[in-house]
């Protein structure tokens, strides 16, 4: 069973930035289904950013141009750089790879 541990969340003002990290083991982020998801209160979990099987990236329309997903396989770490944050980005963010999920980390954006 793989273990994924997120870090980097917290409280930030609108317009600010945060970088989420997700630490794994082995070359786990080369597996299919790698990405970041989020779930806001009362809403379903949604894909924020991910890698396709070809290695290209894809983003939810709501975060395009503001968020960037990346991975460092040498460090076994997945990242999500979030810029120009908005209050509607407030959610619990989860990293995922293959069938493994992180425990989630809170991101709160104040107006």
Foldseek 3Di string as FASTA:
>chain_A
DKAKAKDWADEEAAQAKIKIKIAIDALQCLAPPWAKWWDDPPGDIDTAKDAHPVGDIDGDPVQPPFWDWDDDSVRRMIMIIGGRDDQVVFTWMWTDGDHDIYPTDTHGYHD
